[in-house]
Amino acid sequence: MKLRGSPKLRIPSLVAAVEKNLSGPNPLNGSALSLKHGVSATTIADVISQDLEGKVRKKCRVHARRCSREKNRNPFRQTRSINQ
């Protein structure tokens, strides 16, 4: 078995660049970060989890009601019960 040395791709400049990209209000996802920096998504996940001590999770859109839809809702409408 070959002993592993220090990481070849997870250099301090990459870690700093990824940290800068993740610090904003709407950070890039892992695949976009990997394309931007020219490394694999696994390397980006390792940087986030091991070097930055963060969590890697799937990014998903959140469904939110609009104010215009709130005005159109009927407050007297009853929801169906499951047994009907």
PDB file of N, CA and C in Angstrom:
ATOM      1  N   MET A   1       0.840  -1.176   0.000  1.00  0.00           N
ATOM      2  CA  MET A   1       0.000   0.000   0.000  1.00  0.00           C
ATOM      3  C   MET A   1       0.891   1.247   0.000  1.00  0.00           C
ATOM      4  N   LYS A   2       0.536   2.183  -0.837  1.00  0.00           N
ATOM      5  CA  LYS A   2       1.327   3.392  -0.978  1.00  0.00           C
ATOM      6  C   LYS A   2       0.875   4.417   0.060  1.00  0.00           C
ATOM      7  N   LEU A   3       1.821   5.003   0.777  1.00  0.00           N
ATOM      8  CA  LEU A   3       1.479   6.019   1.763  1.00  0.00           C
ATOM      9  C   LEU A   3       1.176   7.335   1.051  1.00  0.00           C
ATOM     10  N   ARG A   4       0.169   8.014   1.554  1.00  0.00           N
ATOM     11  CA  ARG A   4      -0.221   9.277   0.948  1.00  0.00           C
ATOM     12  C   ARG A   4       0.528  10.417   1.618  1.00  0.00           C
ATOM     13  N   GLY A   5       0.918  11.366   0.825  1.00  0.00           N
ATOM     14  CA  GLY A   5       1.592  12.542   1.344  1.00  0.00           C
ATOM     15  C   GLY A   5       0.592  13.663   1.599  1.00  0.00           C
ATOM     16  N   SER A   6       1.050  14.866   1.520  1.00  0.00           N
ATOM     17  CA  SER A   6       0.172  16.013   1.697  1.00  0.00           C
ATOM     18  C   SER A   6      -0.722  16.147   0.466  1.00  0.00           C
ATOM     19  N   PRO A   7      -1.873  16.765   0.609  1.00  0.00           N
ATOM     20  CA  PRO A   7      -2.779  16.912  -0.536  1.00  0.00           C
ATOM     21  C   PRO A   7      -2.148  17.742  -1.647  1.00  0.00           C
ATOM     22  N   LYS A   8      -2.299  17.276  -2.869  1.00  0.00           N
ATOM     23  CA  LYS A   8      -1.686  17.953  -4.009  1.00  0.00           C
ATOM     24  C   LYS A   8      -2.588  19.065  -4.570  1.00  0.00           C
ATOM     25  N   LEU A   9      -3.877  18.878  -4.477  1.00  0.00           N
ATOM     26  CA  LEU A   9      -4.794  19.854  -5.056  1.00  0.00           C
ATOM     27  C   LEU A   9      -5.385  20.804  -4.020  1.00  0.00           C
ATOM     28  N   ARG A  10      -5.468  20.365  -2.787  1.00  0.00           N
ATOM     29  CA  ARG A  10      -6.079  21.194  -1.747  1.00  0.00           C
ATOM     30  C   ARG A  10      -5.036  22.137  -1.147  1.00  0.00           C
ATOM     31  N   ILE A  11      -4.501  22.988  -1.986  1.00  0.00           N
ATOM     32  CA  ILE A  11      -3.480  23.934  -1.551  1.00  0.00           C
ATOM     33  C   ILE A  11      -4.158  25.145  -0.902  1.00  0.00           C
ATOM     34  N   PRO A  12      -3.423  25.914  -0.110  1.00  0.00           N
ATOM     35  CA  PRO A  12      -4.033  27.049   0.599  1.00  0.00           C
ATOM     36  C   PRO A  12      -4.713  28.067  -0.312  1.00  0.00           C
ATOM     37  N   SER A  13      -4.194  28.277  -1.518  1.00  0.00           N
ATOM     38  CA  SER A  13      -4.835  29.243  -2.416  1.00  0.00           C
ATOM     39  C   SER A  13      -6.210  28.758  -2.877  1.00  0.00           C
ATOM     40  N   LEU A  14      -6.352  27.443  -3.120  1.00  0.00           N
ATOM     41  CA  LEU A  14      -7.654  26.893  -3.492  1.00  0.00           C
ATOM     42  C   LEU A  14      -8.626  26.982  -2.323  1.00  0.00           C
ATOM     43  N   VAL A  15      -8.147  26.673  -1.122  1.00  0.00           N
ATOM     44  CA  VAL A  15      -9.004  26.734   0.064  1.00  0.00           C
ATOM     45  C   VAL A  15      -9.492  28.164   0.280  1.00  0.00           C
ATOM     46  N   ALA A  16      -8.600  29.139   0.103  1.00  0.00           N
ATOM     47  CA  ALA A  16      -8.981  30.543   0.272  1.00  0.00           C
ATOM     48  C   ALA A  16      -9.983  30.977  -0.789  1.00  0.00           C
ATOM     49  N   ALA A  17      -9.810  30.524  -2.021  1.00  0.00           N
ATOM     50  CA  ALA A  17     -10.726  30.894  -3.105  1.00  0.00           C
ATOM     51  C   ALA A  17     -12.106  30.286  -2.882  1.00  0.00           C
ATOM     52  N   VAL A  18     -12.144  29.030  -2.443  1.00  0.00           N
ATOM     53  CA  VAL A  18     -13.433  28.386  -2.182  1.00  0.00           C
ATOM     54  C   VAL A  18     -14.126  29.062  -1.003  1.00  0.00           C
ATOM     55  N   GLU A  19     -13.360  29.403   0.019  1.00  0.00           N
ATOM     56  CA  GLU A  19     -13.952  30.084   1.176  1.00  0.00           C
ATOM     57  C   GLU A  19     -14.529  31.434   0.771  1.00  0.00           C
ATOM     58  N   LYS A  20     -13.853  32.149  -0.107  1.00  0.00           N
ATOM     59  CA  LYS A  20     -14.344  33.436  -0.591  1.00  0.00           C
ATOM     60  C   LYS A  20     -15.647  33.256  -1.377  1.00  0.00           C
ATOM     61  N   ASN A  21     -15.712  32.205  -2.200  1.00  0.00           N
ATOM     62  CA  ASN A  21     -16.922  31.957  -2.993  1.00  0.00           C
ATOM     63  C   ASN A  21     -18.096  31.490  -2.143  1.00  0.00           C
ATOM     64  N   LEU A  22     -17.820  30.889  -1.001  1.00  0.00           N
ATOM     65  CA  LEU A  22     -18.890  30.385  -0.145  1.00  0.00           C
ATOM     66  C   LEU A  22     -19.367  31.413   0.877  1.00  0.00           C
ATOM     67  N   SER A  23     -18.672  32.529   0.998  1.00  0.00           N
ATOM     68  CA  SER A  23     -18.994  33.472   2.063  1.00  0.00           C
ATOM     69  C   SER A  23     -20.170  34.385   1.737  1.00  0.00           C
ATOM     70  N   GLY A  24     -20.613  34.438   0.509  1.00  0.00           N
ATOM     71  CA  GLY A  24     -21.693  35.336   0.121  1.00  0.00           C
ATOM     72  C   GLY A  24     -23.064  34.815   0.526  1.00  0.00           C
ATOM     73  N   PRO A  25     -24.097  35.603   0.265  1.00  0.00           N
ATOM     74  CA  PRO A  25     -25.453  35.190   0.647  1.00  0.00           C
ATOM     75  C   PRO A  25     -26.006  34.042  -0.199  1.00  0.00           C
ATOM     76  N   ASN A  26     -25.574  33.921  -1.463  1.00  0.00           N
ATOM     77  CA  ASN A  26     -26.049  32.859  -2.331  1.00  0.00           C
ATOM     78  C   ASN A  26     -24.845  32.154  -2.940  1.00  0.00           C
ATOM     79  N   PRO A  27     -24.226  31.212  -2.209  1.00  0.00           N
ATOM     80  CA  PRO A  27     -22.985  30.601  -2.694  1.00  0.00           C
ATOM     81  C   PRO A  27     -23.220  29.661  -3.870  1.00  0.00           C
ATOM     82  N   LEU A  28     -22.162  29.443  -4.621  1.00  0.00           N
ATOM     83  CA  LEU A  28     -22.219  28.501  -5.743  1.00  0.00           C
ATOM     84  C   LEU A  28     -22.324  27.077  -5.210  1.00  0.00           C
ATOM     85  N   ASN A  29     -22.898  26.184  -6.012  1.00  0.00           N
ATOM     86  CA  ASN A  29     -22.964  24.785  -5.597  1.00  0.00           C
ATOM     87  C   ASN A  29     -21.655  24.082  -5.949  1.00  0.00           C
ATOM     88  N   GLY A  30     -21.535  22.839  -5.543  1.00  0.00           N
ATOM     89  CA  GLY A  30     -20.286  22.108  -5.697  1.00  0.00           C
ATOM     90  C   GLY A  30     -19.849  21.929  -7.125  1.00  0.00           C
ATOM     91  N   SER A  31     -20.782  21.637  -8.026  1.00  0.00           N
ATOM     92  CA  SER A  31     -20.393  21.428  -9.424  1.00  0.00           C
ATOM     93  C   SER A  31     -19.952  22.738 -10.069  1.00  0.00           C
ATOM     94  N   ALA A  32     -20.597  23.837  -9.735  1.00  0.00           N
ATOM     95  CA  ALA A  32     -20.178  25.131 -10.277  1.00  0.00           C
ATOM     96  C   ALA A  32     -18.809  25.530  -9.745  1.00  0.00           C
ATOM     97  N   LEU A  33     -18.552  25.256  -8.457  1.00  0.00           N
ATOM     98  CA  LEU A  33     -17.240  25.544  -7.885  1.00  0.00           C
ATOM     99  C   LEU A  33     -16.151  24.695  -8.545  1.00  0.00           C
ATOM    100  N   SER A  34     -16.468  23.427  -8.823  1.00  0.00           N
ATOM    101  CA  SER A  34     -15.471  22.554  -9.432  1.00  0.00           C
ATOM    102  C   SER A  34     -15.141  23.005 -10.855  1.00  0.00           C
ATOM    103  N   LEU A  35     -16.133  23.464 -11.605  1.00  0.00           N
ATOM    104  CA  LEU A  35     -15.874  23.976 -12.945  1.00  0.00           C
ATOM    105  C   LEU A  35     -15.073  25.274 -12.900  1.00  0.00           C
ATOM    106  N   LYS A  36     -15.391  26.129 -11.939  1.00  0.00           N
ATOM    107  CA  LYS A  36     -14.721  27.422 -11.829  1.00  0.00           C
ATOM    108  C   LYS A  36     -13.241  27.267 -11.485  1.00  0.00           C
ATOM    109  N   HIS A  37     -12.932  26.334 -10.588  1.00  0.00           N
ATOM    110  CA  HIS A  37     -11.559  26.179 -10.117  1.00  0.00           C
ATOM    111  C   HIS A  37     -10.796  25.064 -10.831  1.00  0.00           C
ATOM    112  N   GLY A  38     -11.453  24.308 -11.687  1.00  0.00           N
ATOM    113  CA  GLY A  38     -10.777  23.289 -12.470  1.00  0.00           C
ATOM    114  C   GLY A  38     -10.365  22.058 -11.690  1.00  0.00           C
ATOM    115  N   VAL A  39     -11.115  21.720 -10.652  1.00  0.00           N
ATOM    116  CA  VAL A  39     -10.859  20.507  -9.874  1.00  0.00           C
ATOM    117  C   VAL A  39     -12.155  19.704  -9.821  1.00  0.00           C
ATOM    118  N   SER A  40     -12.090  18.502  -9.274  1.00  0.00           N
ATOM    119  CA  SER A  40     -13.281  17.659  -9.229  1.00  0.00           C
ATOM    120  C   SER A  40     -14.222  18.102  -8.108  1.00  0.00           C
ATOM    121  N   ALA A  41     -15.469  17.652  -8.203  1.00  0.00           N
ATOM    122  CA  ALA A  41     -16.454  17.960  -7.172  1.00  0.00           C
ATOM    123  C   ALA A  41     -16.077  17.307  -5.850  1.00  0.00           C
ATOM    124  N   THR A  42     -15.404  16.155  -5.919  1.00  0.00           N
ATOM    125  CA  THR A  42     -14.951  15.478  -4.700  1.00  0.00           C
ATOM    126  C   THR A  42     -13.887  16.312  -3.996  1.00  0.00           C
ATOM    127  N   THR A  43     -12.998  16.931  -4.750  1.00  0.00           N
ATOM    128  CA  THR A  43     -11.982  17.790  -4.157  1.00  0.00           C
ATOM    129  C   THR A  43     -12.629  18.994  -3.480  1.00  0.00           C
ATOM    130  N   ILE A  44     -13.646  19.571  -4.121  1.00  0.00           N
ATOM    131  CA  ILE A  44     -14.367  20.698  -3.527  1.00  0.00           C
ATOM    132  C   ILE A  44     -15.061  20.249  -2.242  1.00  0.00           C
ATOM    133  N   ALA A  45     -15.671  19.064  -2.271  1.00  0.00           N
ATOM    134  CA  ALA A  45     -16.335  18.543  -1.074  1.00  0.00           C
ATOM    135  C   ALA A  45     -15.331  18.307   0.049  1.00  0.00           C
ATOM    136  N   ASP A  46     -14.125  17.822  -0.295  1.00  0.00           N
ATOM    137  CA  ASP A  46     -13.072  17.631   0.715  1.00  0.00           C
ATOM    138  C   ASP A  46     -12.605  18.961   1.290  1.00  0.00           C
ATOM    139  N   VAL A  47     -12.479  19.966   0.451  1.00  0.00           N
ATOM    140  CA  VAL A  47     -12.071  21.285   0.928  1.00  0.00           C
ATOM    141  C   VAL A  47     -13.101  21.823   1.915  1.00  0.00           C
ATOM    142  N   ILE A  48     -14.373  21.695   1.565  1.00  0.00           N
ATOM    143  CA  ILE A  48     -15.429  22.222   2.431  1.00  0.00           C
ATOM    144  C   ILE A  48     -15.500  21.447   3.736  1.00  0.00           C
ATOM    145  N   SER A  49     -15.470  20.125   3.657  1.00  0.00           N
ATOM    146  CA  SER A  49     -15.683  19.329   4.867  1.00  0.00           C
ATOM    147  C   SER A  49     -14.447  19.239   5.742  1.00  0.00           C
ATOM    148  N   GLN A  50     -13.258  19.100   5.155  1.00  0.00           N
ATOM    149  CA  GLN A  50     -12.056  18.887   5.951  1.00  0.00           C
ATOM    150  C   GLN A  50     -11.306  20.180   6.244  1.00  0.00           C
ATOM    151  N   ASP A  51     -11.092  21.011   5.233  1.00  0.00           N
ATOM    152  CA  ASP A  51     -10.299  22.218   5.443  1.00  0.00           C
ATOM    153  C   ASP A  51     -11.114  23.356   6.053  1.00  0.00           C
ATOM    154  N   LEU A  52     -12.344  23.534   5.595  1.00  0.00           N
ATOM    155  CA  LEU A  52     -13.186  24.615   6.111  1.00  0.00           C
ATOM    156  C   LEU A  52     -14.107  24.153   7.234  1.00  0.00           C
ATOM    157  N   GLU A  53     -14.112  22.852   7.499  1.00  0.00           N
ATOM    158  CA  GLU A  53     -14.931  22.244   8.556  1.00  0.00           C
ATOM    159  C   GLU A  53     -16.406  22.635   8.436  1.00  0.00           C
ATOM    160  N   GLY A  54     -16.917  22.531   7.229  1.00  0.00           N
ATOM    161  CA  GLY A  54     -18.320  22.813   6.978  1.00  0.00           C
ATOM    162  C   GLY A  54     -19.040  21.547   6.570  1.00  0.00           C
ATOM    163  N   LYS A  55     -20.320  21.686   6.280  1.00  0.00           N
ATOM    164  CA  LYS A  55     -21.122  20.547   5.843  1.00  0.00           C
ATOM    165  C   LYS A  55     -21.394  20.675   4.354  1.00  0.00           C
ATOM    166  N   VAL A  56     -21.345  19.542   3.665  1.00  0.00           N
ATOM    167  CA  VAL A  56     -21.675  19.499   2.247  1.00  0.00           C
ATOM    168  C   VAL A  56     -23.080  18.931   2.142  1.00  0.00           C
ATOM    169  N   ARG A  57     -23.960  19.670   1.492  1.00  0.00           N
ATOM    170  CA  ARG A  57     -25.330  19.204   1.330  1.00  0.00           C
ATOM    171  C   ARG A  57     -25.857  19.666  -0.017  1.00  0.00           C
ATOM    172  N   LYS A  58     -26.945  19.068  -0.418  1.00  0.00           N
ATOM    173  CA  LYS A  58     -27.545  19.431  -1.691  1.00  0.00           C
ATOM    174  C   LYS A  58     -28.198  20.801  -1.562  1.00  0.00           C
ATOM    175  N   LYS A  59     -28.071  21.592  -2.593  1.00  0.00           N
ATOM    176  CA  LYS A  59     -28.689  22.904  -2.628  1.00  0.00           C
ATOM    177  C   LYS A  59     -30.048  22.756  -3.302  1.00  0.00           C
ATOM    178  N   CYS A  60     -31.085  23.275  -2.684  1.00  0.00           N
ATOM    179  CA  CYS A  60     -32.421  23.127  -3.268  1.00  0.00           C
ATOM    180  C   CYS A  60     -33.157  24.456  -3.202  1.00  0.00           C
ATOM    181  N   ARG A  61     -34.076  24.604  -4.090  1.00  0.00           N
ATOM    182  CA  ARG A  61     -34.896  25.814  -4.115  1.00  0.00           C
ATOM    183  C   ARG A  61     -35.984  25.698  -3.060  1.00  0.00           C
ATOM    184  N   VAL A  62     -36.360  26.820  -2.512  1.00  0.00           N
ATOM    185  CA  VAL A  62     -37.373  26.842  -1.466  1.00  0.00           C
ATOM    186  C   VAL A  62     -38.637  27.451  -2.051  1.00  0.00           C
ATOM    187  N   HIS A  63     -39.745  26.761  -1.861  1.00  0.00           N
ATOM    188  CA  HIS A  63     -41.019  27.281  -2.335  1.00  0.00           C
ATOM    189  C   HIS A  63     -41.507  28.334  -1.347  1.00  0.00           C
ATOM    190  N   ALA A  64     -41.763  29.528  -1.826  1.00  0.00           N
ATOM    191  CA  ALA A  64     -42.262  30.587  -0.960  1.00  0.00           C
ATOM    192  C   ALA A  64     -43.489  31.204  -1.608  1.00  0.00           C
ATOM    193  N   ARG A  65     -44.456  31.551  -0.796  1.00  0.00           N
ATOM    194  CA  ARG A  65     -45.656  32.196  -1.330  1.00  0.00           C
ATOM    195  C   ARG A  65     -45.361  33.648  -1.642  1.00  0.00           C
ATOM    196  N   ARG A  66     -45.979  34.113  -2.697  1.00  0.00           N
ATOM    197  CA  ARG A  66     -45.850  35.516  -3.050  1.00  0.00           C
ATOM    198  C   ARG A  66     -46.958  36.304  -2.368  1.00  0.00           C
ATOM    199  N   CYS A  67     -46.715  37.573  -2.171  1.00  0.00           N
ATOM    200  CA  CYS A  67     -47.731  38.422  -1.547  1.00  0.00           C
ATOM    201  C   CYS A  67     -48.981  38.508  -2.421  1.00  0.00           C
ATOM    202  N   SER A  68     -48.803  38.510  -3.749  1.00  0.00           N
ATOM    203  CA  SER A  68     -49.958  38.590  -4.636  1.00  0.00           C
ATOM    204  C   SER A  68     -50.828  37.347  -4.496  1.00  0.00           C
ATOM    205  N   ARG A  69     -50.223  36.184  -4.254  1.00  0.00           N
ATOM    206  CA  ARG A  69     -50.993  34.959  -4.070  1.00  0.00           C
ATOM    207  C   ARG A  69     -51.701  34.956  -2.714  1.00  0.00           C
ATOM    208  N   GLU A  70     -51.089  35.555  -1.713  1.00  0.00           N
ATOM    209  CA  GLU A  70     -51.706  35.606  -0.388  1.00  0.00           C
ATOM    210  C   GLU A  70     -53.028  36.372  -0.437  1.00  0.00           C
ATOM    211  N   LYS A  71     -53.081  37.451  -1.234  1.00  0.00           N
ATOM    212  CA  LYS A  71     -54.311  38.240  -1.322  1.00  0.00           C
ATOM    213  C   LYS A  71     -55.426  37.460  -2.005  1.00  0.00           C
ATOM    214  N   ASN A  72     -55.051  36.540  -2.912  1.00  0.00           N
ATOM    215  CA  ASN A  72     -56.054  35.788  -3.666  1.00  0.00           C
ATOM    216  C   ASN A  72     -56.585  34.570  -2.915  1.00  0.00           C
ATOM    217  N   ARG A  73     -55.985  34.212  -1.796  1.00  0.00           N
ATOM    218  CA  ARG A  73     -56.435  33.031  -1.068  1.00  0.00           C
ATOM    219  C   ARG A  73     -57.792  33.269  -0.431  1.00  0.00           C
ATOM    220  N   ASN A  74     -58.621  32.261  -0.474  1.00  0.00           N
ATOM    221  CA  ASN A  74     -59.936  32.340   0.139  1.00  0.00           C
ATOM    222  C   ASN A  74     -59.823  31.834   1.578  1.00  0.00           C
ATOM    223  N   PRO A  75     -60.062  32.673   2.574  1.00  0.00           N
ATOM    224  CA  PRO A  75     -59.901  32.230   3.957  1.00  0.00           C
ATOM    225  C   PRO A  75     -60.985  31.253   4.401  1.00  0.00           C
ATOM    226  N   PHE A  76     -62.105  31.197   3.659  1.00  0.00           N
ATOM    227  CA  PHE A  76     -63.210  30.336   4.059  1.00  0.00           C
ATOM    228  C   PHE A  76     -63.171  28.966   3.402  1.00  0.00           C
ATOM    229  N   ARG A  77     -62.236  28.744   2.526  1.00  0.00           N
ATOM    230  CA  ARG A  77     -62.132  27.448   1.841  1.00  0.00           C
ATOM    231  C   ARG A  77     -61.615  26.404   2.805  1.00  0.00           C
ATOM    232  N   GLN A  78     -62.317  25.289   2.847  1.00  0.00           N
ATOM    233  CA  GLN A  78     -61.893  24.212   3.735  1.00  0.00           C
ATOM    234  C   GLN A  78     -61.038  23.223   2.948  1.00  0.00           C
ATOM    235  N   THR A  79     -60.044  22.694   3.609  1.00  0.00           N
ATOM    236  CA  THR A  79     -59.215  21.679   2.959  1.00  0.00           C
ATOM    237  C   THR A  79     -59.911  20.326   3.040  1.00  0.00           C
ATOM    238  N   ARG A  80     -59.618  19.474   2.092  1.00  0.00           N
ATOM    239  CA  ARG A  80     -60.204  18.146   2.084  1.00  0.00           C
ATOM    240  C   ARG A  80     -59.574  17.293   3.167  1.00  0.00           C
ATOM    241  N   SER A  81     -60.379  16.461   3.751  1.00  0.00           N
ATOM    242  CA  SER A  81     -59.796  15.524   4.705  1.00  0.00           C
ATOM    243  C   SER A  81     -59.342  14.283   3.948  1.00  0.00           C
ATOM    244  N   ILE A  82     -58.483  13.512   4.532  1.00  0.00           N
ATOM    245  CA  ILE A  82     -57.911  12.350   3.872  1.00  0.00           C
ATOM    246  C   ILE A  82     -58.951  11.251   3.680  1.00  0.00           C
ATOM    247  N   ASN A  83     -59.932  11.163   4.559  1.00  0.00           N
ATOM    248  CA  ASN A  83     -60.901  10.066   4.527  1.00  0.00           C
ATOM    249  C   ASN A  83     -62.016  10.260   3.516  1.00  0.00           C
ATOM    250  N   GLN A  84     -62.126  11.403   2.876  1.00  0.00           N
ATOM    251  CA  GLN A  84     -63.225  11.621   1.930  1.00  0.00           C
ATOM    252  C   GLN A  84     -63.014  10.897   0.644  1.00  0.00           C
TER     253      GLN A  84
END
